[in-house]
């Protein structure tokens, strides 16, 4: 019997990691000196995930919407690691998003600026209770540092063949909307507390917000 999809709502904590000089795309200025040597450790241990579940309300109330870095180009973020807490049951899931290497081609009428193309991530969701992974391709990023991520983007704004359109129609749903952002030393301290396998860097940002995830 085929397993039915699970539709979850809750809160996510996402740590966005900037490009290093070696991986920075053309036309994107490099203002970061981040060491990505920890990228292989994409999911935190269970102790850190339990800390998330216990402290999600406290962190959500500590809203740091500083505008000091709001002019940062959001395309400088290479990948992100995070945790999703489903509500009301407070079950933890691991998240890891990496820049899509072959994203849908933007239609020139919809995205005329070729130096600032739309940003897509491929996402892996890990269910810690079963160790099952769900893969979601082509999640669109918008919103500057108040990042929004969604699979609900308009296909007609991109040049896609029927194979790609079918994949986009059938993939799992994902949505994230930032409620608060942590920068600089606040981000470093948050990484030390909740992302112990990542190297804390002030060039990273922490986005906290609401999420919807479909698990298939």
C-alpha atoms as a PDB file:
ATOM      1  CA  UNK A   1       0.000   0.000   0.000  1.00  0.00           C
ATOM      2  CA  UNK A   2       1.401   3.370  -1.026  1.00  0.00           C
ATOM      3  CA  UNK A   3       2.192   5.667   1.882  1.00  0.00           C
ATOM      4  CA  UNK A   4       0.171   8.885   1.926  1.00  0.00           C
ATOM      5  CA  UNK A   5       2.036  12.234   1.903  1.00  0.00           C
ATOM      6  CA  UNK A   6       2.404  14.054   5.225  1.00  0.00           C
ATOM      7  CA  UNK A   7       1.625  17.779   5.334  1.00  0.00           C
ATOM      8  CA  UNK A   8       3.376  19.511   8.208  1.00  0.00           C
ATOM      9  CA  UNK A   9       3.357  23.054   9.547  1.00  0.00           C
ATOM     10  CA  UNK A  10       5.732  24.518  12.087  1.00  0.00           C
ATOM     11  CA  UNK A  11       8.755  26.737  12.638  1.00  0.00           C
ATOM     12  CA  UNK A  12      12.195  26.518  11.006  1.00  0.00           C
ATOM     13  CA  UNK A  13      15.612  27.831  11.970  1.00  0.00           C
ATOM     14  CA  UNK A  14      17.807  28.254   8.882  1.00  0.00           C
ATOM     15  CA  UNK A  15      21.511  29.143   8.832  1.00  0.00           C
ATOM     16  CA  UNK A  16      22.525  30.564   5.443  1.00  0.00           C
ATOM     17  CA  UNK A  17      26.167  30.059   4.471  1.00  0.00           C
ATOM     18  CA  UNK A  18      27.782  32.530   2.028  1.00  0.00           C
ATOM     19  CA  UNK A  19      29.863  31.598  -0.989  1.00  0.00           C
ATOM     20  CA  UNK A  20      33.585  31.292  -0.498  1.00  0.00           C
ATOM     21  CA  UNK A  21      35.948  32.931  -2.972  1.00  0.00           C
ATOM     22  CA  UNK A  22      36.467  29.578  -4.697  1.00  0.00           C
ATOM     23  CA  UNK A  23      32.766  29.000  -5.371  1.00  0.00           C
ATOM     24  CA  UNK A  24      31.567  32.569  -5.959  1.00  0.00           C
ATOM     25  CA  UNK A  25      29.735  32.917  -9.309  1.00  0.00           C
ATOM     26  CA  UNK A  26      30.667  35.600 -11.821  1.00  0.00           C
ATOM     27  CA  UNK A  27      29.107  39.056 -11.301  1.00  0.00           C
ATOM     28  CA  UNK A  28      28.605  38.417  -7.565  1.00  0.00           C
ATOM     29  CA  UNK A  29      30.889  40.505  -5.307  1.00  0.00           C
ATOM     30  CA  UNK A  30      32.690  38.531  -2.623  1.00  0.00           C
ATOM     31  CA  UNK A  31      32.455  40.251   0.759  1.00  0.00           C
ATOM     32  CA  UNK A  32      32.793  37.054   2.763  1.00  0.00           C
ATOM     33  CA  UNK A  33      35.693  34.951   3.992  1.00  0.00           C
ATOM     34  CA  UNK A  34      33.697  31.944   5.131  1.00  0.00           C
ATOM     35  CA  UNK A  35      35.353  28.530   5.413  1.00  0.00           C
ATOM     36  CA  UNK A  36      32.964  25.880   4.101  1.00  0.00           C
ATOM     37  CA  UNK A  37      34.974  22.929   5.400  1.00  0.00           C
ATOM     38  CA  UNK A  38      32.028  21.882   7.569  1.00  0.00           C
ATOM     39  CA  UNK A  39      29.616  21.485   4.665  1.00  0.00           C
ATOM     40  CA  UNK A  40      29.749  17.690   4.861  1.00  0.00           C
ATOM     41  CA  UNK A  41      28.201  17.781   8.359  1.00  0.00           C
ATOM     42  CA  UNK A  42      24.785  18.769   7.073  1.00  0.00           C
ATOM     43  CA  UNK A  43      22.648  17.625   9.983  1.00  0.00           C
ATOM     44  CA  UNK A  44      23.042  18.358  13.685  1.00  0.00           C
ATOM     45  CA  UNK A  45      22.992  15.711  16.381  1.00  0.00           C
ATOM     46  CA  UNK A  46      19.901  14.817  18.366  1.00  0.00           C
ATOM     47  CA  UNK A  47      20.912  16.894  21.405  1.00  0.00           C
ATOM     48  CA  UNK A  48      20.889  20.072  19.342  1.00  0.00           C
ATOM     49  CA  UNK A  49      17.509  19.184  17.855  1.00  0.00           C
ATOM     50  CA  UNK A  50      16.049  18.681  21.319  1.00  0.00           C
ATOM     51  CA  UNK A  51      17.321  22.131  22.268  1.00  0.00           C
ATOM     52  CA  UNK A  52      15.413  23.555  19.314  1.00  0.00           C
ATOM     53  CA  UNK A  53      12.171  21.925  20.348  1.00  0.00           C
ATOM     54  CA  UNK A  54      12.538  23.151  23.925  1.00  0.00           C
ATOM     55  CA  UNK A  55      13.443  26.721  23.015  1.00  0.00           C
ATOM     56  CA  UNK A  56      11.435  27.469  19.871  1.00  0.00           C
ATOM     57  CA  UNK A  57       9.083  29.902  21.605  1.00  0.00           C
ATOM     58  CA  UNK A  58      11.914  31.826  23.277  1.00  0.00           C
ATOM     59  CA  UNK A  59      13.874  32.254  20.049  1.00  0.00           C
ATOM     60  CA  UNK A  60      10.790  33.306  18.119  1.00  0.00           C
ATOM     61  CA  UNK A  61      10.193  36.095  20.630  1.00  0.00           C
ATOM     62  CA  UNK A  62      13.778  37.394  20.366  1.00  0.00           C
ATOM     63  CA  UNK A  63      13.117  39.215  17.095  1.00  0.00           C
ATOM     64  CA  UNK A  64      16.266  40.859  15.699  1.00  0.00           C
ATOM     65  CA  UNK A  65      15.261  42.565  12.456  1.00  0.00           C
ATOM     66  CA  UNK A  66      18.363  44.730  12.245  1.00  0.00           C
ATOM     67  CA  UNK A  67      18.668  46.471   8.875  1.00  0.00           C
ATOM     68  CA  UNK A  68      22.453  46.678   9.035  1.00  0.00           C
ATOM     69  CA  UNK A  69      22.919  44.038   6.322  1.00  0.00           C
ATOM     70  CA  UNK A  70      19.659  44.397   4.385  1.00  0.00           C
ATOM     71  CA  UNK A  71      21.541  45.629   1.328  1.00  0.00           C
ATOM     72  CA  UNK A  72      23.440  42.343   1.103  1.00  0.00           C
ATOM     73  CA  UNK A  73      22.772  40.563  -2.186  1.00  0.00           C
ATOM     74  CA  UNK A  74      20.844  37.429  -1.259  1.00  0.00           C
ATOM     75  CA  UNK A  75      22.471  35.481  -4.107  1.00  0.00           C
ATOM     76  CA  UNK A  76      25.708  35.394  -2.100  1.00  0.00           C
ATOM     77  CA  UNK A  77      24.292  32.585   0.069  1.00  0.00           C
ATOM     78  CA  UNK A  78      25.522  29.252  -1.208  1.00  0.00           C
ATOM     79  CA  UNK A  79      23.652  26.772   0.979  1.00  0.00           C
ATOM     80  CA  UNK A  80      21.785  26.494   4.240  1.00  0.00           C
ATOM     81  CA  UNK A  81      21.411  24.088   7.115  1.00  0.00           C
ATOM     82  CA  UNK A  82      18.411  24.097   9.359  1.00  0.00           C
ATOM     83  CA  UNK A  83      15.943  22.411  11.619  1.00  0.00           C
ATOM     84  CA  UNK A  84      12.185  22.197  11.250  1.00  0.00           C
ATOM     85  CA  UNK A  85       9.945  21.730  14.298  1.00  0.00           C
ATOM     86  CA  UNK A  86       6.470  20.482  13.423  1.00  0.00           C
ATOM     87  CA  UNK A  87       3.678  21.926  15.551  1.00  0.00           C
ATOM     88  CA  UNK A  88       1.945  21.178  17.813  1.00  0.00           C
ATOM     89  CA  UNK A  89       3.767  17.847  18.319  1.00  0.00           C
ATOM     90  CA  UNK A  90       7.295  19.406  18.268  1.00  0.00           C
ATOM     91  CA  UNK A  91       8.947  16.680  16.184  1.00  0.00           C
ATOM     92  CA  UNK A  92      12.353  17.647  14.736  1.00  0.00           C
ATOM     93  CA  UNK A  93      13.432  17.291  11.105  1.00  0.00           C
ATOM     94  CA  UNK A  94      16.814  18.141   9.593  1.00  0.00           C
ATOM     95  CA  UNK A  95      17.040  20.479   6.608  1.00  0.00           C
ATOM     96  CA  UNK A  96      19.858  21.027   4.138  1.00  0.00           C
ATOM     97  CA  UNK A  97      19.521  23.205   1.049  1.00  0.00           C
ATOM     98  CA  UNK A  98      22.163  23.577  -1.654  1.00  0.00           C
ATOM     99  CA  UNK A  99      22.209  25.872  -4.672  1.00  0.00           C
ATOM    100  CA  UNK A 100      20.634  24.198  -7.716  1.00  0.00           C
ATOM    101  CA  UNK A 101      23.332  23.572 -10.301  1.00  0.00           C
ATOM    102  CA  UNK A 102      20.956  23.476 -13.304  1.00  0.00           C
ATOM    103  CA  UNK A 103      17.930  25.588 -12.315  1.00  0.00           C
ATOM    104  CA  UNK A 104      15.048  26.479 -14.624  1.00  0.00           C
ATOM    105  CA  UNK A 105      16.032  29.115 -17.178  1.00  0.00           C
ATOM    106  CA  UNK A 106      14.313  32.443 -16.463  1.00  0.00           C
ATOM    107  CA  UNK A 107      12.263  33.963 -19.246  1.00  0.00           C
ATOM    108  CA  UNK A 108      13.964  37.217 -20.351  1.00  0.00           C
ATOM    109  CA  UNK A 109      10.657  39.105 -20.246  1.00  0.00           C
ATOM    110  CA  UNK A 110      10.182  38.180 -16.567  1.00  0.00           C
ATOM    111  CA  UNK A 111      13.829  38.465 -15.453  1.00  0.00           C
ATOM    112  CA  UNK A 112      15.514  41.020 -17.730  1.00  0.00           C
ATOM    113  CA  UNK A 113      18.565  41.545 -15.460  1.00  0.00           C
ATOM    114  CA  UNK A 114      20.950  38.752 -16.457  1.00  0.00           C
ATOM    115  CA  UNK A 115      23.402  39.700 -13.686  1.00  0.00           C
ATOM    116  CA  UNK A 116      20.808  38.965 -10.986  1.00  0.00           C
ATOM    117  CA  UNK A 117      19.082  35.688 -11.905  1.00  0.00           C
ATOM    118  CA  UNK A 118      16.519  34.001  -9.639  1.00  0.00           C
ATOM    119  CA  UNK A 119      17.999  31.823  -6.925  1.00  0.00           C
ATOM    120  CA  UNK A 120      16.973  28.157  -6.547  1.00  0.00           C
ATOM    121  CA  UNK A 121      17.840  25.579  -3.897  1.00  0.00           C
ATOM    122  CA  UNK A 122      17.517  21.800  -3.794  1.00  0.00           C
ATOM    123  CA  UNK A 123      16.385  20.671  -0.353  1.00  0.00           C
ATOM    124  CA  UNK A 124      16.917  17.492   1.643  1.00  0.00           C
ATOM    125  CA  UNK A 125      14.538  16.872   4.562  1.00  0.00           C
ATOM    126  CA  UNK A 126      15.603  14.221   7.086  1.00  0.00           C
ATOM    127  CA  UNK A 127      13.027  12.553   9.316  1.00  0.00           C
ATOM    128  CA  UNK A 128      15.044  11.741  12.445  1.00  0.00           C
ATOM    129  CA  UNK A 129      12.524   9.156  13.663  1.00  0.00           C
ATOM    130  CA  UNK A 130      12.794   6.983  10.533  1.00  0.00           C
ATOM    131  CA  UNK A 131      16.021   8.275   8.892  1.00  0.00           C
ATOM    132  CA  UNK A 132      13.959   8.709   5.730  1.00  0.00           C
ATOM    133  CA  UNK A 133      14.954  11.538   3.390  1.00  0.00           C
ATOM    134  CA  UNK A 134      12.684  13.623   1.185  1.00  0.00           C
ATOM    135  CA  UNK A 135      14.233  15.520  -1.738  1.00  0.00           C
ATOM    136  CA  UNK A 136      12.618  18.704  -3.060  1.00  0.00           C
ATOM    137  CA  UNK A 137      14.106  20.393  -6.128  1.00  0.00           C
ATOM    138  CA  UNK A 138      13.949  23.977  -7.353  1.00  0.00           C
ATOM    139  CA  UNK A 139      12.821  25.976  -4.326  1.00  0.00           C
ATOM    140  CA  UNK A 140      12.804  29.658  -5.259  1.00  0.00           C
ATOM    141  CA  UNK A 141      14.378  32.229  -2.912  1.00  0.00           C
ATOM    142  CA  UNK A 142      13.022  35.778  -2.715  1.00  0.00           C
ATOM    143  CA  UNK A 143      12.950  38.610  -0.195  1.00  0.00           C
ATOM    144  CA  UNK A 144      16.529  39.786   0.394  1.00  0.00           C
ATOM    145  CA  UNK A 145      17.783  38.847   3.881  1.00  0.00           C
ATOM    146  CA  UNK A 146      14.163  38.469   5.054  1.00  0.00           C
ATOM    147  CA  UNK A 147      14.291  35.298   3.005  1.00  0.00           C
ATOM    148  CA  UNK A 148      11.237  33.538   1.611  1.00  0.00           C
ATOM    149  CA  UNK A 149      11.510  30.068   0.063  1.00  0.00           C
ATOM    150  CA  UNK A 150       8.770  28.392  -1.929  1.00  0.00           C
ATOM    151  CA  UNK A 151       7.968  25.726  -4.488  1.00  0.00           C
ATOM    152  CA  UNK A 152       4.909  27.785  -5.521  1.00  0.00           C
ATOM    153  CA  UNK A 153       6.416  29.847  -8.333  1.00  0.00           C
ATOM    154  CA  UNK A 154       4.946  30.501 -11.762  1.00  0.00           C
ATOM    155  CA  UNK A 155       6.230  27.953 -14.311  1.00  0.00           C
ATOM    156  CA  UNK A 156       5.413  30.240 -17.247  1.00  0.00           C
ATOM    157  CA  UNK A 157       8.094  32.665 -16.025  1.00  0.00           C
ATOM    158  CA  UNK A 158      10.723  30.080 -16.979  1.00  0.00           C
ATOM    159  CA  UNK A 159      11.757  28.204 -20.100  1.00  0.00           C
ATOM    160  CA  UNK A 160      11.076  24.528 -19.361  1.00  0.00           C
ATOM    161  CA  UNK A 161      10.420  21.411 -21.385  1.00  0.00           C
ATOM    162  CA  UNK A 162       7.565  19.043 -20.555  1.00  0.00           C
ATOM    163  CA  UNK A 163       9.788  16.698 -18.553  1.00  0.00           C
ATOM    164  CA  UNK A 164      10.812  19.502 -16.215  1.00  0.00           C
ATOM    165  CA  UNK A 165       7.250  20.818 -15.974  1.00  0.00           C
ATOM    166  CA  UNK A 166       6.040  17.364 -14.936  1.00  0.00           C
ATOM    167  CA  UNK A 167       8.729  17.120 -12.254  1.00  0.00           C
ATOM    168  CA  UNK A 168       7.813  20.570 -10.919  1.00  0.00           C
ATOM    169  CA  UNK A 169       4.113  19.628 -10.755  1.00  0.00           C
ATOM    170  CA  UNK A 170       4.737  16.368  -8.903  1.00  0.00           C
ATOM    171  CA  UNK A 171       7.439  17.365  -6.395  1.00  0.00           C
ATOM    172  CA  UNK A 172       6.633  17.832  -2.691  1.00  0.00           C
ATOM    173  CA  UNK A 173       5.492  21.237  -1.425  1.00  0.00           C
ATOM    174  CA  UNK A 174       7.743  23.500   0.643  1.00  0.00           C
ATOM    175  CA  UNK A 175       7.290  27.041   1.952  1.00  0.00           C
ATOM    176  CA  UNK A 176       9.259  29.193   4.390  1.00  0.00           C
ATOM    177  CA  UNK A 177       8.720  32.822   5.412  1.00  0.00           C
ATOM    178  CA  UNK A 178      11.183  34.673   7.654  1.00  0.00           C
ATOM    179  CA  UNK A 179       9.803  36.273  10.806  1.00  0.00           C
ATOM    180  CA  UNK A 180      13.114  37.366  12.332  1.00  0.00           C
ATOM    181  CA  UNK A 181      16.772  37.555  11.285  1.00  0.00           C
ATOM    182  CA  UNK A 182      19.971  37.330  13.328  1.00  0.00           C
ATOM    183  CA  UNK A 183      23.166  38.982  12.065  1.00  0.00           C
ATOM    184  CA  UNK A 184      26.813  39.273  13.073  1.00  0.00           C
ATOM    185  CA  UNK A 185      27.553  38.250  16.685  1.00  0.00           C
ATOM    186  CA  UNK A 186      23.921  37.280  17.320  1.00  0.00           C
ATOM    187  CA  UNK A 187      24.213  34.841  14.415  1.00  0.00           C
ATOM    188  CA  UNK A 188      27.566  33.547  15.706  1.00  0.00           C
ATOM    189  CA  UNK A 189      26.142  32.867  19.163  1.00  0.00           C
ATOM    190  CA  UNK A 190      23.088  31.166  17.684  1.00  0.00           C
ATOM    191  CA  UNK A 191      25.321  28.921  15.574  1.00  0.00           C
ATOM    192  CA  UNK A 192      27.378  27.970  18.628  1.00  0.00           C
ATOM    193  CA  UNK A 193      24.222  27.023  20.525  1.00  0.00           C
ATOM    194  CA  UNK A 194      22.232  25.268  17.822  1.00  0.00           C
ATOM    195  CA  UNK A 195      24.562  24.457  14.887  1.00  0.00           C
ATOM    196  CA  UNK A 196      27.620  23.053  16.689  1.00  0.00           C
ATOM    197  CA  UNK A 197      28.898  21.223  13.594  1.00  0.00           C
ATOM    198  CA  UNK A 198      29.193  24.458  11.607  1.00  0.00           C
ATOM    199  CA  UNK A 199      32.024  26.956  11.973  1.00  0.00           C
ATOM    200  CA  UNK A 200      30.482  30.131  13.471  1.00  0.00           C
ATOM    201  CA  UNK A 201      30.960  33.081  11.116  1.00  0.00           C
ATOM    202  CA  UNK A 202      29.500  36.621  11.303  1.00  0.00           C
ATOM    203  CA  UNK A 203      29.009  36.484   7.521  1.00  0.00           C
ATOM    204  CA  UNK A 204      26.265  33.888   8.021  1.00  0.00           C
ATOM    205  CA  UNK A 205      22.696  34.860   8.814  1.00  0.00           C
ATOM    206  CA  UNK A 206      20.029  33.042  10.798  1.00  0.00           C
ATOM    207  CA  UNK A 207      16.453  33.188   9.537  1.00  0.00           C
ATOM    208  CA  UNK A 208      13.634  32.084  11.849  1.00  0.00           C
ATOM    209  CA  UNK A 209      10.158  31.677  10.455  1.00  0.00           C
ATOM    210  CA  UNK A 210       7.086  29.644   9.586  1.00  0.00           C
ATOM    211  CA  UNK A 211       7.345  26.588   7.338  1.00  0.00           C
ATOM    212  CA  UNK A 212       5.101  24.175   5.475  1.00  0.00           C
ATOM    213  CA  UNK A 213       6.542  20.852   4.298  1.00  0.00           C
ATOM    214  CA  UNK A 214       5.072  17.937   2.383  1.00  0.00           C
ATOM    215  CA  UNK A 215       6.793  14.610   2.981  1.00  0.00           C
ATOM    216  CA  UNK A 216       6.342  11.854   0.394  1.00  0.00           C
END
